[in-house]
Amino acid sequence: MGHDHGPPSAATGTLSGSFRNRLLWTIGISVTITLFQVVGSLLSGSLALLADAAHSLTDAVGVSLALGAVTLAQRAPTPRRTFGFFRVEIFSAVLNALLLVGIFVWVLITAIRRFSEPVEVQGGTMFLVALVGLAANAVGLWLLRDAKDQSLNLRGAYLEVLGDALGSVAVIVGGLVILFTGWQAADPVASIVIGLLIVPRAYGLLRDAVHVLLEATPQDMDLTQVRAHLLDEPGVVAVHDLHAWTVTSGMPVLTAHVVVDDATLRGEDQGHLLRRLQACLGDHFDVAHSTLQLEPEGHAEGEGALHP
């Protein structure tokens, strides 16, 4: 016997849904920064500005993917997709990470070429354009400040903007170096710094997304503790085939076979017992969606190979 809570309805939406307007504003800011930096790169000859523009464009694309995923996630579940489109958010995070990797490779190759084929760069223009870009990115970070801890997808969007802000800092430093010392190599050096800033963010985002896609146990959940809490409930004598995974950010699910002593099965309403067990999971582990199969003692012996 089991009991099941369906996934949140389209009206409720995912955690990311409440931040849709902020995502729209962030996209607008990223597109504006990109155009401004491209013009600045053409005027100054700076590769670092062009690299930062490419990074800003990646921000716009990445956040657009996030917005598209959030929109799809609002669609109601169907008999063929019983969890709806919630998992689209995770695929969006993977694409976001791959875009960052592509930008890193392009920046690194282009910057290395600049060392052997130097280009005259106007440090003053480079500095002013990067300063405006930093200010705009600060606005984007403020818009997404509450979102980054709510969803893996929104965390990716926040990290995109944060990385671009740090890239603007690198361009500002490079522009000042060129302006006051005339050292033109500061421009490709700043470009490489921008590329290196991308790597840890892309890795972390891809790692967390793959963790979800592999249906691994949620990182903040200890199944040993889950088992102990279930066993503490009166009448429960064993727990096996215990599994937990994440459908999308903020949506953990859990299944288990719960062995109950005969006296409890005969003397207590099974629906009441299920409600107690699921309340335990919800209160201690924030699991709103669980499927529990109640079994009498000895039933598991006929099931063959079992998971712990």
Protein backbone atom coordinates (compact mmCIF):
# COMPACT_ATOMS: atom_id res chain seq x y z
CA MET A 1 0.00 0.00 0.00
CA GLY A 2 1.26 3.49 -0.70
CA HIS A 3 0.24 7.09 -0.80
CA ASP A 4 1.34 9.64 -3.34
CA HIS A 5 1.40 13.42 -3.50
CA GLY A 6 1.39 14.79 -7.03
CA PRO A 7 3.90 17.40 -8.14
CA PRO A 8 3.03 21.06 -7.76
CA SER A 9 0.37 22.22 -10.17
CA ALA A 10 0.98 24.65 -12.98
CA ALA A 11 -0.66 27.30 -10.87
CA THR A 12 1.76 26.74 -8.06
CA GLY A 13 4.77 26.47 -10.34
CA THR A 14 8.38 25.86 -9.48
CA LEU A 15 10.48 27.93 -7.14
CA SER A 16 11.95 29.63 -10.18
CA GLY A 17 8.56 30.80 -11.45
CA SER A 18 8.21 33.58 -8.90
CA PHE A 19 11.37 35.20 -10.27
CA ARG A 20 10.27 35.41 -13.92
CA ASN A 21 10.12 39.21 -13.99
CA ARG A 22 13.60 39.45 -12.50
CA LEU A 23 14.88 37.13 -15.19
CA LEU A 24 13.34 39.35 -17.86
CA TRP A 25 15.04 42.41 -16.41
CA THR A 26 18.34 40.54 -16.21
CA ILE A 27 18.09 39.53 -19.88
CA GLY A 28 17.46 43.14 -20.87
CA ILE A 29 20.47 44.32 -18.87
CA SER A 30 22.74 41.63 -20.35
CA VAL A 31 21.73 42.44 -23.93
CA THR A 32 22.31 46.15 -23.32
CA ILE A 33 25.74 45.47 -21.80
CA THR A 34 26.66 43.23 -24.73
CA LEU A 35 25.87 45.89 -27.33
CA PHE A 36 27.68 48.57 -25.33
CA GLN A 37 30.77 46.40 -24.90
CA VAL A 38 30.89 45.42 -28.59
CA VAL A 39 30.85 49.09 -29.57
CA GLY A 40 33.49 49.81 -26.93
CA SER A 41 35.65 46.95 -28.21
CA LEU A 42 35.48 48.28 -31.77
CA LEU A 43 36.42 51.79 -30.61
CA SER A 44 39.23 50.73 -28.29
CA GLY A 45 40.53 47.58 -30.00
CA SER A 46 40.26 45.67 -26.72
CA LEU A 47 39.98 41.88 -26.82
CA ALA A 48 39.12 41.89 -23.12
CA LEU A 49 36.04 44.01 -23.81
CA LEU A 50 35.04 41.71 -26.67
CA ALA A 51 35.52 38.68 -24.40
CA ASP A 52 33.41 40.35 -21.75
CA ALA A 53 30.80 41.13 -24.42
CA ALA A 54 30.75 37.46 -25.41
CA HIS A 55 30.36 36.57 -21.75
CA SER A 56 27.49 39.07 -21.43
CA LEU A 57 25.85 37.54 -24.50
CA THR A 58 26.21 34.14 -22.87
CA ASP A 59 24.51 35.64 -19.81
CA ALA A 60 21.57 36.74 -21.96
CA VAL A 61 21.34 33.35 -23.68
CA GLY A 62 21.77 31.46 -20.40
CA VAL A 63 19.15 33.50 -18.56
CA SER A 64 16.81 33.17 -21.58
CA LEU A 65 17.22 29.39 -21.31
CA ALA A 66 16.41 29.69 -17.63
CA LEU A 67 13.30 31.73 -18.40
CA GLY A 68 12.19 29.26 -21.07
CA ALA A 69 12.68 26.38 -18.64
CA VAL A 70 10.69 28.20 -15.95
CA THR A 71 7.86 28.80 -18.44
CA LEU A 72 7.79 25.16 -19.57
CA ALA A 73 7.85 23.99 -15.96
CA GLN A 74 4.49 25.69 -15.40
CA ARG A 75 2.77 23.28 -17.79
CA ALA A 76 0.55 20.72 -16.11
CA PRO A 77 1.62 17.06 -15.84
CA THR A 78 0.24 14.59 -18.38
CA PRO A 79 -0.21 10.81 -18.35
CA ARG A 80 3.02 10.53 -20.38
CA ARG A 81 4.92 13.10 -18.32
CA THR A 82 3.67 12.58 -14.80
CA PHE A 83 6.15 15.08 -13.35
CA GLY A 84 5.38 17.60 -16.07
CA PHE A 85 8.32 19.55 -17.45
CA PHE A 86 10.11 20.29 -14.17
CA ARG A 87 13.26 18.48 -15.30
CA VAL A 88 13.64 20.97 -18.19
CA GLU A 89 15.18 23.38 -15.68
CA ILE A 90 18.04 20.95 -15.10
CA PHE A 91 18.71 20.47 -18.81
CA SER A 92 18.76 24.25 -19.10
CA ALA A 93 21.44 24.39 -16.41
CA VAL A 94 23.54 21.86 -18.37
CA LEU A 95 23.29 23.94 -21.57
CA ASN A 96 24.20 27.01 -19.56
CA ALA A 97 27.38 25.32 -18.30
CA LEU A 98 28.35 24.14 -21.79
CA LEU A 99 27.94 27.68 -23.15
CA LEU A 100 30.36 28.91 -20.50
CA VAL A 101 32.91 26.26 -21.48
CA GLY A 102 32.65 27.29 -25.13
CA ILE A 103 33.29 30.94 -24.24
CA PHE A 104 36.32 29.97 -22.16
CA VAL A 105 37.92 28.03 -25.04
CA TRP A 106 37.34 30.89 -27.51
CA VAL A 107 38.74 33.53 -25.14
CA LEU A 108 41.83 31.47 -24.33
CA ILE A 109 42.71 30.77 -27.98
CA THR A 110 42.13 34.37 -29.08
CA ALA A 111 44.11 35.83 -26.18
CA ILE A 112 47.12 33.60 -26.88
CA ARG A 113 47.12 34.81 -30.48
CA ARG A 114 47.14 38.42 -29.28
CA PHE A 115 50.51 37.91 -27.58
CA SER A 116 52.15 37.11 -30.92
CA GLU A 117 50.01 39.57 -32.91
CA PRO A 118 49.57 42.60 -30.61
CA VAL A 119 46.88 45.21 -31.30
CA GLU A 120 46.98 48.83 -30.16
CA VAL A 121 44.38 49.29 -27.42
CA GLN A 122 42.95 52.55 -26.05
CA GLY A 123 43.08 52.03 -22.30
CA GLY A 124 40.85 55.01 -21.43
CA THR A 125 37.93 53.85 -23.58
CA MET A 126 38.41 50.30 -22.35
CA PHE A 127 38.25 51.49 -18.72
CA LEU A 128 35.12 53.64 -19.12
CA VAL A 129 33.13 50.99 -20.99
CA ALA A 130 34.03 48.33 -18.42
CA LEU A 131 33.05 50.65 -15.58
CA VAL A 132 29.56 51.10 -17.05
CA GLY A 133 29.34 47.32 -17.56
CA LEU A 134 30.24 46.71 -13.91
CA ALA A 135 27.50 49.06 -12.74
CA ALA A 136 24.91 47.32 -14.93
CA ASN A 137 26.00 43.90 -13.69
CA ALA A 138 25.64 45.11 -10.11
CA VAL A 139 21.97 45.83 -10.87
CA GLY A 140 21.57 42.31 -12.28
CA LEU A 141 23.14 40.78 -9.16
CA TRP A 142 20.76 42.76 -6.98
CA LEU A 143 17.76 41.52 -8.97
CA LEU A 144 18.80 37.86 -8.55
CA ARG A 145 20.17 38.11 -5.00
CA ASP A 146 17.27 36.15 -3.45
CA ALA A 147 16.94 33.68 -6.32
CA LYS A 148 20.34 31.99 -6.25
CA ASP A 149 19.50 29.77 -3.25
CA GLN A 150 16.07 28.75 -4.54
CA SER A 151 16.81 26.95 -7.81
CA LEU A 152 19.76 25.40 -9.61
CA ASN A 153 18.58 27.09 -12.77
CA LEU A 154 18.44 30.51 -11.12
CA ARG A 155 21.75 29.85 -9.43
CA GLY A 156 23.22 29.41 -12.91
CA ALA A 157 21.74 32.75 -13.99
CA TYR A 158 23.13 34.49 -10.90
CA LEU A 159 26.58 32.99 -11.41
CA GLU A 160 26.53 34.12 -15.04
CA VAL A 161 26.00 37.73 -13.98
CA LEU A 162 28.51 37.45 -11.12
CA GLY A 163 31.16 36.12 -13.47
CA ASP A 164 30.48 38.93 -15.91
CA ALA A 165 30.81 41.49 -13.11
CA LEU A 166 34.17 40.01 -12.14
CA GLY A 167 35.14 40.08 -15.81
CA SER A 168 34.34 43.79 -15.90
CA VAL A 169 36.67 44.27 -12.93
CA ALA A 170 39.44 42.51 -14.87
CA VAL A 171 38.83 44.78 -17.88
CA ILE A 172 38.90 47.87 -15.64
CA VAL A 173 42.25 46.84 -14.20
CA GLY A 174 43.61 46.07 -17.68
CA GLY A 175 42.43 49.44 -18.99
CA LEU A 176 44.08 51.29 -16.12
CA VAL A 177 47.36 49.42 -16.68
CA ILE A 178 47.37 50.32 -20.38
CA LEU A 179 46.32 53.92 -19.64
CA PHE A 180 49.10 54.58 -17.13
CA THR A 181 51.91 52.26 -18.30
CA GLY A 182 51.23 51.63 -21.98
CA TRP A 183 51.70 47.86 -21.47
CA GLN A 184 49.45 46.49 -24.27
CA ALA A 185 49.74 42.88 -23.10
CA ALA A 186 47.44 43.82 -20.22
CA ASP A 187 44.52 43.41 -22.62
CA PRO A 188 45.03 39.69 -23.49
CA VAL A 189 46.02 39.04 -19.87
CA ALA A 190 42.67 40.49 -18.75
CA SER A 191 40.97 38.32 -21.39
CA ILE A 192 42.57 35.17 -19.96
CA VAL A 193 41.49 36.20 -16.47
CA ILE A 194 37.92 36.51 -17.74
CA GLY A 195 38.19 33.02 -19.25
CA LEU A 196 39.55 31.55 -16.01
CA LEU A 197 36.71 33.09 -14.03
CA ILE A 198 34.30 31.03 -16.13
CA VAL A 199 35.82 27.60 -15.39
CA PRO A 200 34.88 27.03 -11.71
CA ARG A 201 31.35 28.33 -12.27
CA ALA A 202 30.81 26.10 -15.29
CA TYR A 203 32.21 23.10 -13.42
CA GLY A 204 30.08 23.65 -10.33
CA LEU A 205 26.89 24.16 -12.30
CA LEU A 206 27.51 21.12 -14.50
CA ARG A 207 28.41 18.96 -11.48
CA ASP A 208 25.20 19.83 -9.64
CA ALA A 209 23.05 19.36 -12.74
CA VAL A 210 24.56 15.93 -13.47
CA HIS A 211 23.96 14.99 -9.81
CA VAL A 212 20.24 15.61 -10.38
CA LEU A 213 20.16 13.88 -13.77
CA LEU A 214 21.78 10.77 -12.27
CA GLU A 215 18.95 10.75 -9.69
CA ALA A 216 21.47 10.75 -6.87
CA THR A 217 20.35 11.31 -3.30
CA PRO A 218 19.75 15.04 -2.65
CA GLN A 219 22.95 16.57 -1.32
CA ASP A 220 21.31 17.88 1.85
CA MET A 221 19.68 14.56 2.71
CA ASP A 222 21.24 11.71 4.72
CA LEU A 223 19.37 8.46 4.05
CA THR A 224 20.79 6.97 7.26
CA GLN A 225 18.97 9.66 9.21
CA VAL A 226 15.82 9.17 7.13
CA ARG A 227 15.83 5.46 7.92
CA ALA A 228 16.42 6.17 11.63
CA HIS A 229 13.48 8.60 11.80
CA LEU A 230 11.14 6.10 10.12
CA LEU A 231 12.27 3.33 12.46
CA ASP A 232 11.54 5.57 15.44
CA GLU A 233 7.86 5.57 14.52
CA PRO A 234 5.83 3.15 16.70
CA GLY A 235 5.17 -0.15 14.94
CA VAL A 236 7.88 0.18 12.27
CA VAL A 237 10.39 -2.68 12.49
CA ALA A 238 12.36 -2.29 9.24
CA VAL A 239 12.82 -0.10 6.18
CA HIS A 240 14.19 -1.32 2.86
CA ASP A 241 14.30 -0.26 -0.79
CA LEU A 242 14.78 3.31 0.40
CA HIS A 243 15.42 5.74 -2.48
CA ALA A 244 15.48 9.52 -2.73
CA TRP A 245 16.23 11.78 -5.68
CA THR A 246 15.50 15.26 -7.00
CA VAL A 247 13.08 15.98 -9.86
CA THR A 248 14.15 19.62 -10.03
CA SER A 249 15.53 22.19 -7.61
CA GLY A 250 13.51 22.24 -4.41
CA MET A 251 11.52 19.11 -5.30
CA PRO A 252 12.94 15.99 -3.58
CA VAL A 253 10.99 12.74 -3.80
CA LEU A 254 11.32 9.53 -1.78
CA THR A 255 10.12 5.94 -1.95
CA ALA A 256 10.48 3.15 0.61
CA HIS A 257 9.11 -0.19 1.76
CA VAL A 258 8.18 0.04 5.42
CA VAL A 259 7.84 -3.19 7.41
CA VAL A 260 5.27 -2.90 10.21
CA ASP A 261 4.61 -5.36 13.04
CA ASP A 262 1.41 -7.39 12.88
CA ALA A 263 -0.10 -5.79 15.97
CA THR A 264 0.16 -2.32 14.47
CA LEU A 265 -1.25 -3.47 11.12
CA ARG A 266 -4.25 -5.05 12.90
CA GLY A 267 -4.81 -2.35 15.51
CA GLU A 268 -4.20 0.94 13.67
CA ASP A 269 -5.76 2.46 10.61
CA GLN A 270 -3.15 2.18 7.86
CA GLY A 271 -4.07 5.56 6.46
CA HIS A 272 -3.29 7.14 9.83
CA LEU A 273 0.06 5.32 9.95
CA LEU A 274 0.96 6.56 6.47
CA ARG A 275 0.08 10.12 7.46
CA ARG A 276 2.36 9.86 10.50
CA LEU A 277 5.25 8.55 8.41
CA GLN A 278 4.84 11.18 5.71
CA ALA A 279 4.52 13.94 8.29
CA CYS A 280 7.84 12.73 9.70
CA LEU A 281 9.46 12.99 6.26
CA GLY A 282 7.96 16.39 5.62
CA ASP A 283 8.85 17.88 9.00
CA HIS A 284 12.43 16.62 9.23
CA PHE A 285 13.55 16.37 5.59
CA ASP A 286 11.21 18.70 3.67
CA VAL A 287 9.95 15.83 1.49
CA ALA A 288 6.46 16.68 0.26
CA HIS A 289 6.28 13.89 -2.33
CA SER A 290 6.75 10.37 -0.97
CA THR A 291 5.51 6.88 -1.84
CA LEU A 292 5.55 4.36 1.00
CA GLN A 293 4.63 0.68 0.77
CA LEU A 294 3.52 -0.85 4.06
CA GLU A 295 4.45 -4.52 4.48
CA PRO A 296 3.82 -7.16 7.18
CA GLU A 297 6.80 -8.87 8.75
CA GLY A 298 8.15 -11.69 6.58
CA HIS A 299 6.76 -10.25 3.35
CA ALA A 300 10.19 -9.08 2.13
CA GLU A 301 11.59 -12.62 2.18
CA GLY A 302 9.62 -13.51 -0.93
CA GLU A 303 10.68 -10.46 -2.93
CA GLY A 304 14.13 -11.70 -3.95
CA ALA A 305 17.08 -9.30 -4.18
CA LEU A 306 16.46 -6.06 -2.30
CA HIS A 307 18.05 -2.69 -2.16
CA PRO A 308 18.98 -1.51 1.33
